[in-house]
Amino acid sequence: MENKAYKLNIQLSDGKIIEFMPEMVHSDLSALTNNQEIIQRTERLILVQLSSYTIIKLRELQMIIYKTLNQLRYHQIASQYYNAELS
């Protein structure tokens, strides 16, 4: 499978812009579960959603991660993520 190259930037709450790295999502998910299937399924769906962006606010990215976990019915992990990142 060919990896589509696109550049995505994240706007932090202080206005600073950083380059998005897929490892960021992987790291966040790995902190919540050791289940590689859950991590890979969630990552794939998140990256597909992000492919239409060139810049995204950090809070919006966090909401995409949270909503994707819920959409995939990983409700407990979604709740843990929400408590760690969004509350």
N, C-alpha and C. Protein backbone atom coordinates (compact mmCIF):
# COMPACT_ATOMS: atom_id res chain seq x y z
N MET A 1 0.83 -1.17 0.00
CA MET A 1 0.00 0.00 0.00
C MET A 1 0.89 1.25 0.00
N GLU A 2 0.61 2.14 -0.91
CA GLU A 2 1.41 3.35 -1.03
C GLU A 2 0.97 4.37 0.01
N ASN A 3 1.92 4.97 0.67
CA ASN A 3 1.62 5.98 1.69
C ASN A 3 1.50 7.34 1.01
N LYS A 4 0.31 7.92 1.08
CA LYS A 4 0.07 9.22 0.47
C LYS A 4 0.81 10.28 1.26
N ALA A 5 1.66 11.01 0.57
CA ALA A 5 2.43 12.05 1.24
C ALA A 5 1.62 13.34 1.26
N TYR A 6 1.36 13.82 2.43
CA TYR A 6 0.70 15.11 2.58
C TYR A 6 1.27 15.77 3.82
N LYS A 7 1.23 17.07 3.83
CA LYS A 7 1.76 17.78 4.98
C LYS A 7 0.61 18.35 5.78
N LEU A 8 0.66 18.10 7.06
CA LEU A 8 -0.35 18.59 7.97
C LEU A 8 0.34 19.31 9.11
N ASN A 9 -0.17 20.48 9.44
CA ASN A 9 0.35 21.24 10.57
C ASN A 9 -0.70 21.32 11.65
N ILE A 10 -0.24 21.40 12.88
CA ILE A 10 -1.12 21.53 14.04
C ILE A 10 -0.91 22.91 14.65
N GLN A 11 -2.02 23.61 14.87
CA GLN A 11 -1.95 24.90 15.55
C GLN A 11 -2.22 24.66 17.03
N LEU A 12 -1.23 24.95 17.86
CA LEU A 12 -1.36 24.78 19.29
C LEU A 12 -2.21 25.90 19.88
N SER A 13 -2.63 25.73 21.12
CA SER A 13 -3.51 26.71 21.75
C SER A 13 -2.86 28.09 21.87
N ASP A 14 -1.53 28.14 21.90
CA ASP A 14 -0.83 29.44 21.98
C ASP A 14 -0.59 30.06 20.60
N GLY A 15 -1.10 29.38 19.54
CA GLY A 15 -0.96 29.89 18.18
C GLY A 15 0.24 29.34 17.43
N LYS A 16 1.16 28.70 18.15
CA LYS A 16 2.35 28.12 17.53
C LYS A 16 1.93 26.99 16.59
N ILE A 17 2.64 26.87 15.47
CA ILE A 17 2.36 25.83 14.49
C ILE A 17 3.48 24.79 14.54
N ILE A 18 3.08 23.51 14.63
CA ILE A 18 4.06 22.42 14.58
C ILE A 18 3.64 21.46 13.48
N GLU A 19 4.61 20.72 12.97
CA GLU A 19 4.32 19.73 11.93
C GLU A 19 3.72 18.47 12.57
N PHE A 20 2.65 17.97 11.97
CA PHE A 20 2.04 16.74 12.44
C PHE A 20 2.90 15.55 12.05
N MET A 21 3.07 14.65 12.99
CA MET A 21 3.77 13.40 12.74
C MET A 21 2.83 12.27 13.17
N PRO A 22 2.58 11.28 12.30
CA PRO A 22 1.67 10.19 12.67
C PRO A 22 2.05 9.49 13.97
N GLU A 23 3.33 9.55 14.32
CA GLU A 23 3.80 8.92 15.56
C GLU A 23 3.12 9.55 16.79
N MET A 24 2.67 10.79 16.65
CA MET A 24 1.99 11.46 17.76
C MET A 24 0.71 10.72 18.14
N VAL A 25 -0.06 10.34 17.12
CA VAL A 25 -1.31 9.60 17.36
C VAL A 25 -0.97 8.23 17.92
N HIS A 26 0.02 7.58 17.33
CA HIS A 26 0.42 6.25 17.78
C HIS A 26 0.83 6.29 19.26
N SER A 27 1.59 7.29 19.63
CA SER A 27 2.06 7.43 21.00
C SER A 27 0.89 7.64 21.97
N ASP A 28 -0.06 8.51 21.56
CA ASP A 28 -1.24 8.74 22.41
C ASP A 28 -2.04 7.46 22.61
N LEU A 29 -2.24 6.72 21.53
CA LEU A 29 -3.02 5.49 21.62
C LEU A 29 -2.28 4.41 22.41
N SER A 30 -0.98 4.33 22.22
CA SER A 30 -0.17 3.33 22.94
C SER A 30 -0.17 3.59 24.44
N ALA A 31 -0.36 4.84 24.83
CA ALA A 31 -0.42 5.17 26.25
C ALA A 31 -1.73 4.68 26.88
N LEU A 32 -2.73 4.39 26.03
CA LEU A 32 -4.04 3.97 26.51
C LEU A 32 -4.26 2.47 26.47
N THR A 33 -3.59 1.80 25.53
CA THR A 33 -3.79 0.35 25.38
C THR A 33 -2.54 -0.28 24.76
N ASN A 34 -2.35 -1.55 25.07
CA ASN A 34 -1.27 -2.32 24.45
C ASN A 34 -1.77 -3.15 23.27
N ASN A 35 -3.08 -3.10 23.02
CA ASN A 35 -3.69 -3.90 21.96
C ASN A 35 -3.36 -3.28 20.61
N GLN A 36 -2.47 -3.94 19.85
CA GLN A 36 -2.01 -3.40 18.57
C GLN A 36 -3.12 -3.32 17.52
N GLU A 37 -4.07 -4.23 17.59
CA GLU A 37 -5.19 -4.19 16.63
C GLU A 37 -6.02 -2.92 16.85
N ILE A 38 -6.30 -2.59 18.10
CA ILE A 38 -7.05 -1.37 18.41
C ILE A 38 -6.27 -0.15 17.94
N ILE A 39 -4.99 -0.12 18.24
CA ILE A 39 -4.14 1.02 17.86
C ILE A 39 -4.13 1.18 16.33
N GLN A 40 -3.91 0.10 15.60
CA GLN A 40 -3.82 0.18 14.14
C GLN A 40 -5.15 0.57 13.49
N ARG A 41 -6.25 -0.02 13.94
CA ARG A 41 -7.56 0.33 13.39
C ARG A 41 -7.87 1.79 13.61
N THR A 42 -7.61 2.26 14.82
CA THR A 42 -7.92 3.65 15.17
C THR A 42 -7.02 4.61 14.39
N GLU A 43 -5.74 4.29 14.32
CA GLU A 43 -4.79 5.13 13.57
C GLU A 43 -5.21 5.29 12.12
N ARG A 44 -5.54 4.17 11.48
CA ARG A 44 -5.93 4.22 10.06
C ARG A 44 -7.11 5.14 9.84
N LEU A 45 -8.12 5.01 10.67
CA LEU A 45 -9.33 5.82 10.52
C LEU A 45 -9.03 7.30 10.79
N ILE A 46 -8.21 7.58 11.78
CA ILE A 46 -7.85 8.96 12.08
C ILE A 46 -7.07 9.58 10.91
N LEU A 47 -6.09 8.85 10.39
CA LEU A 47 -5.27 9.38 9.31
C LEU A 47 -6.09 9.64 8.04
N VAL A 48 -7.07 8.80 7.78
CA VAL A 48 -7.96 9.04 6.63
C VAL A 48 -8.72 10.35 6.83
N GLN A 49 -9.21 10.57 8.04
CA GLN A 49 -9.95 11.80 8.33
C GLN A 49 -9.05 13.03 8.22
N LEU A 50 -7.81 12.90 8.60
CA LEU A 50 -6.88 14.03 8.57
C LEU A 50 -6.37 14.35 7.17
N SER A 51 -6.54 13.44 6.22
CA SER A 51 -5.98 13.63 4.88
C SER A 51 -6.56 14.83 4.15
N SER A 52 -7.70 15.32 4.58
CA SER A 52 -8.30 16.49 3.91
C SER A 52 -7.85 17.82 4.53
N TYR A 53 -7.06 17.77 5.58
CA TYR A 53 -6.61 18.98 6.26
C TYR A 53 -5.19 19.35 5.82
N THR A 54 -4.90 20.65 5.87
CA THR A 54 -3.51 21.11 5.76
C THR A 54 -3.07 21.71 7.08
N ILE A 55 -4.05 22.22 7.86
CA ILE A 55 -3.78 22.72 9.21
C ILE A 55 -4.99 22.37 10.07
N ILE A 56 -4.72 22.00 11.30
CA ILE A 56 -5.79 21.64 12.23
C ILE A 56 -5.42 22.16 13.61
N LYS A 57 -6.41 22.64 14.33
CA LYS A 57 -6.17 23.06 15.70
C LYS A 57 -6.01 21.82 16.57
N LEU A 58 -5.14 21.91 17.57
CA LEU A 58 -4.87 20.77 18.45
C LEU A 58 -6.15 20.22 19.05
N ARG A 59 -7.02 21.09 19.53
CA ARG A 59 -8.27 20.64 20.16
C ARG A 59 -9.14 19.85 19.17
N GLU A 60 -9.17 20.29 17.92
CA GLU A 60 -9.95 19.58 16.90
C GLU A 60 -9.35 18.19 16.63
N LEU A 61 -8.03 18.12 16.58
CA LEU A 61 -7.36 16.83 16.41
C LEU A 61 -7.69 15.90 17.57
N GLN A 62 -7.66 16.43 18.78
CA GLN A 62 -7.98 15.62 19.95
C GLN A 62 -9.43 15.13 19.89
N MET A 63 -10.33 15.97 19.42
CA MET A 63 -11.73 15.56 19.30
C MET A 63 -11.90 14.47 18.24
N ILE A 64 -11.15 14.55 17.16
CA ILE A 64 -11.19 13.51 16.13
C ILE A 64 -10.74 12.18 16.73
N ILE A 65 -9.67 12.21 17.50
CA ILE A 65 -9.18 10.98 18.14
C ILE A 65 -10.24 10.41 19.07
N TYR A 66 -10.80 11.27 19.91
CA TYR A 66 -11.84 10.85 20.86
C TYR A 66 -13.06 10.27 20.13
N LYS A 67 -13.56 10.99 19.15
CA LYS A 67 -14.76 10.54 18.42
C LYS A 67 -14.49 9.25 17.64
N THR A 68 -13.29 9.10 17.12
CA THR A 68 -12.95 7.87 16.39
C THR A 68 -12.94 6.68 17.33
N LEU A 69 -12.37 6.83 18.50
CA LEU A 69 -12.38 5.74 19.49
C LEU A 69 -13.82 5.35 19.83
N ASN A 70 -14.68 6.33 20.01
CA ASN A 70 -16.09 6.05 20.29
C ASN A 70 -16.78 5.39 19.11
N GLN A 71 -16.49 5.89 17.91
CA GLN A 71 -17.10 5.33 16.70
C GLN A 71 -16.75 3.85 16.53
N LEU A 72 -15.54 3.50 16.90
CA LEU A 72 -15.10 2.11 16.80
C LEU A 72 -15.53 1.28 18.01
N ARG A 73 -16.30 1.90 18.89
CA ARG A 73 -16.86 1.27 20.09
C ARG A 73 -15.81 0.88 21.13
N TYR A 74 -14.75 1.66 21.15
CA TYR A 74 -13.75 1.51 22.21
C TYR A 74 -14.07 2.56 23.27
N HIS A 75 -15.25 2.43 23.87
CA HIS A 75 -15.77 3.46 24.75
C HIS A 75 -14.91 3.69 26.00
N GLN A 76 -14.39 2.62 26.57
CA GLN A 76 -13.56 2.77 27.77
C GLN A 76 -12.26 3.52 27.43
N ILE A 77 -11.66 3.17 26.31
CA ILE A 77 -10.42 3.85 25.89
C ILE A 77 -10.73 5.30 25.54
N ALA A 78 -11.86 5.54 24.89
CA ALA A 78 -12.26 6.91 24.56
C ALA A 78 -12.42 7.73 25.84
N SER A 79 -13.02 7.14 26.84
CA SER A 79 -13.21 7.82 28.11
C SER A 79 -11.87 8.15 28.76
N GLN A 80 -10.94 7.20 28.72
CA GLN A 80 -9.60 7.43 29.27
C GLN A 80 -8.91 8.58 28.52
N TYR A 81 -9.03 8.57 27.19
CA TYR A 81 -8.42 9.62 26.37
C TYR A 81 -9.03 10.97 26.72
N TYR A 82 -10.36 11.00 26.82
CA TYR A 82 -11.05 12.25 27.15
C TYR A 82 -10.55 12.81 28.49
N ASN A 83 -10.47 11.95 29.48
CA ASN A 83 -10.02 12.38 30.80
C ASN A 83 -8.57 12.87 30.79
N ALA A 84 -7.74 12.25 29.96
CA ALA A 84 -6.33 12.62 29.90
C ALA A 84 -6.08 13.87 29.07
N GLU A 85 -6.83 14.05 27.99
CA GLU A 85 -6.50 15.10 27.02
C GLU A 85 -7.53 16.23 26.92
N LEU A 86 -8.78 15.97 27.21
CA LEU A 86 -9.82 16.94 26.90
C LEU A 86 -10.52 17.53 28.11
N SER A 87 -10.38 16.91 29.27
CA SER A 87 -11.12 17.42 30.43
C SER A 87 -10.35 18.51 31.17
